[in-house]
Amino acid sequence: MDSKKVNPNNFKVESILFDNDYFSIAFGKWDSNNEFSIAMRWNGNGESDPGYPKLFGNPLWFLIHDDLRTPIIKSLLELECSENELIIKALSELIK
């Protein structure tokens, strides 16, 4: 499952910070509080596998607790499948 196709109505993805085809971490806003959050998921194995988490076969993002946002985002810097420019932009959004 392509992480860019996972976009339920309640979590608006701003950017995908990490994606190695199997696992992804996204940066976006959760509707209930309109604050930036990060979410992650296992992408599954091919287009027919929606990965995990899922609800009724539909792929979902798993939200990470706010206290872990910054440490996790920082830990992504310089990893092979990370988007460093997007990570820096996400960090700057969190400190505004």
Protein backbone atom coordinates (compact mmCIF):
# COMPACT_ATOMS: atom_id res chain seq x y z
CA MET A 1 0.00 0.00 0.00
CA ASP A 2 1.40 3.37 -1.02
CA SER A 3 1.59 5.63 2.06
CA LYS A 4 0.45 8.60 -0.05
CA LYS A 5 -2.92 6.86 -0.55
CA VAL A 6 -3.56 6.67 3.21
CA ASN A 7 -5.41 9.84 4.09
CA PRO A 8 -8.50 9.40 6.23
CA ASN A 9 -10.64 12.48 6.81
CA ASN A 10 -9.51 13.02 10.42
CA PHE A 11 -5.72 13.17 9.77
CA LYS A 12 -4.58 15.60 7.10
CA VAL A 13 -1.11 14.65 5.88
CA GLU A 14 1.20 17.60 5.28
CA SER A 15 4.21 15.47 4.32
CA ILE A 16 5.66 11.97 4.44
CA LEU A 17 8.86 12.25 6.49
CA PHE A 18 10.00 8.63 6.14
CA ASP A 19 8.99 5.89 3.72
CA ASN A 20 10.94 2.73 2.99
CA ASP A 21 7.98 1.08 1.19
CA TYR A 22 7.28 -1.13 4.24
CA PHE A 23 6.95 1.51 6.97
CA SER A 24 6.04 5.20 6.84
CA ILE A 25 5.93 8.22 9.14
CA ALA A 26 3.73 11.19 8.26
CA PHE A 27 3.47 14.76 9.56
CA GLY A 28 0.08 16.42 9.59
CA LYS A 29 -2.86 17.74 11.57
CA TRP A 30 -5.48 15.83 13.52
CA ASP A 31 -8.94 17.41 13.12
CA SER A 32 -9.98 17.32 16.76
CA ASN A 33 -7.24 19.70 17.94
CA ASN A 34 -5.85 21.14 14.67
CA GLU A 35 -2.30 20.77 15.99
CA PHE A 36 0.59 19.15 14.19
CA SER A 37 1.11 15.47 14.94
CA ILE A 38 3.05 12.57 13.56
CA ALA A 39 1.58 9.23 12.64
CA MET A 40 3.00 5.96 11.39
CA ARG A 41 1.99 2.66 9.83
CA TRP A 42 3.18 -0.58 8.30
CA ASN A 43 2.36 -0.31 4.60
CA GLY A 44 1.68 -3.97 3.87
CA ASN A 45 2.94 -6.16 1.08
CA GLY A 46 1.69 -4.95 -2.30
CA GLU A 47 -1.45 -3.13 -3.44
CA SER A 48 -3.83 -5.83 -2.18
CA ASP A 49 -2.50 -5.67 1.41
CA PRO A 50 -3.66 -2.50 3.24
CA GLY A 51 -1.00 -2.91 5.95
CA TYR A 52 -1.50 -2.03 9.61
CA PRO A 53 -3.34 -0.36 11.20
CA LYS A 54 -6.51 -0.74 9.19
CA LEU A 55 -10.23 -0.53 9.83
CA PHE A 56 -12.61 -2.65 7.77
CA GLY A 57 -9.77 -3.19 5.29
CA ASN A 58 -9.03 0.54 4.93
CA PRO A 59 -5.53 1.78 5.79
CA LEU A 60 -5.20 4.17 8.74
CA TRP A 61 -2.47 6.19 10.42
CA PHE A 62 -1.52 5.48 14.05
CA LEU A 63 -1.02 8.78 15.92
CA ILE A 64 2.02 9.16 18.14
CA HIS A 65 1.75 10.88 21.53
CA ASP A 66 2.71 14.57 21.43
CA ASP A 67 5.63 14.09 23.86
CA LEU A 68 7.29 11.79 21.31
CA ARG A 69 6.85 13.97 18.20
CA THR A 70 10.11 15.89 18.34
CA PRO A 71 12.42 13.05 19.43
CA ILE A 72 11.07 10.76 16.73
CA ILE A 73 11.28 13.41 14.02
CA LYS A 74 14.86 14.28 15.02
CA SER A 75 15.82 10.59 14.93
CA LEU A 76 14.78 10.42 11.26
CA LEU A 77 17.40 12.92 10.08
CA GLU A 78 19.95 11.38 7.74
CA LEU A 79 18.26 7.97 7.53
CA GLU A 80 18.36 6.49 4.05
CA CYS A 81 14.61 6.75 3.37
CA SER A 82 14.03 10.07 5.13
CA GLU A 83 13.08 13.36 3.54
CA ASN A 84 15.53 15.65 5.38
CA GLU A 85 14.15 18.94 4.02
CA LEU A 86 10.61 17.97 5.05
CA ILE A 87 11.87 16.86 8.47
CA ILE A 88 13.52 20.24 9.06
CA LYS A 89 10.33 22.00 7.94
CA ALA A 90 8.26 19.82 10.32
CA LEU A 91 10.58 20.62 13.22
CA SER A 92 10.30 24.34 12.49
CA GLU A 93 6.48 24.07 12.51
CA LEU A 94 6.58 22.44 15.95
CA ILE A 95 8.66 25.21 17.53
CA LYS A 96 6.51 28.09 16.23
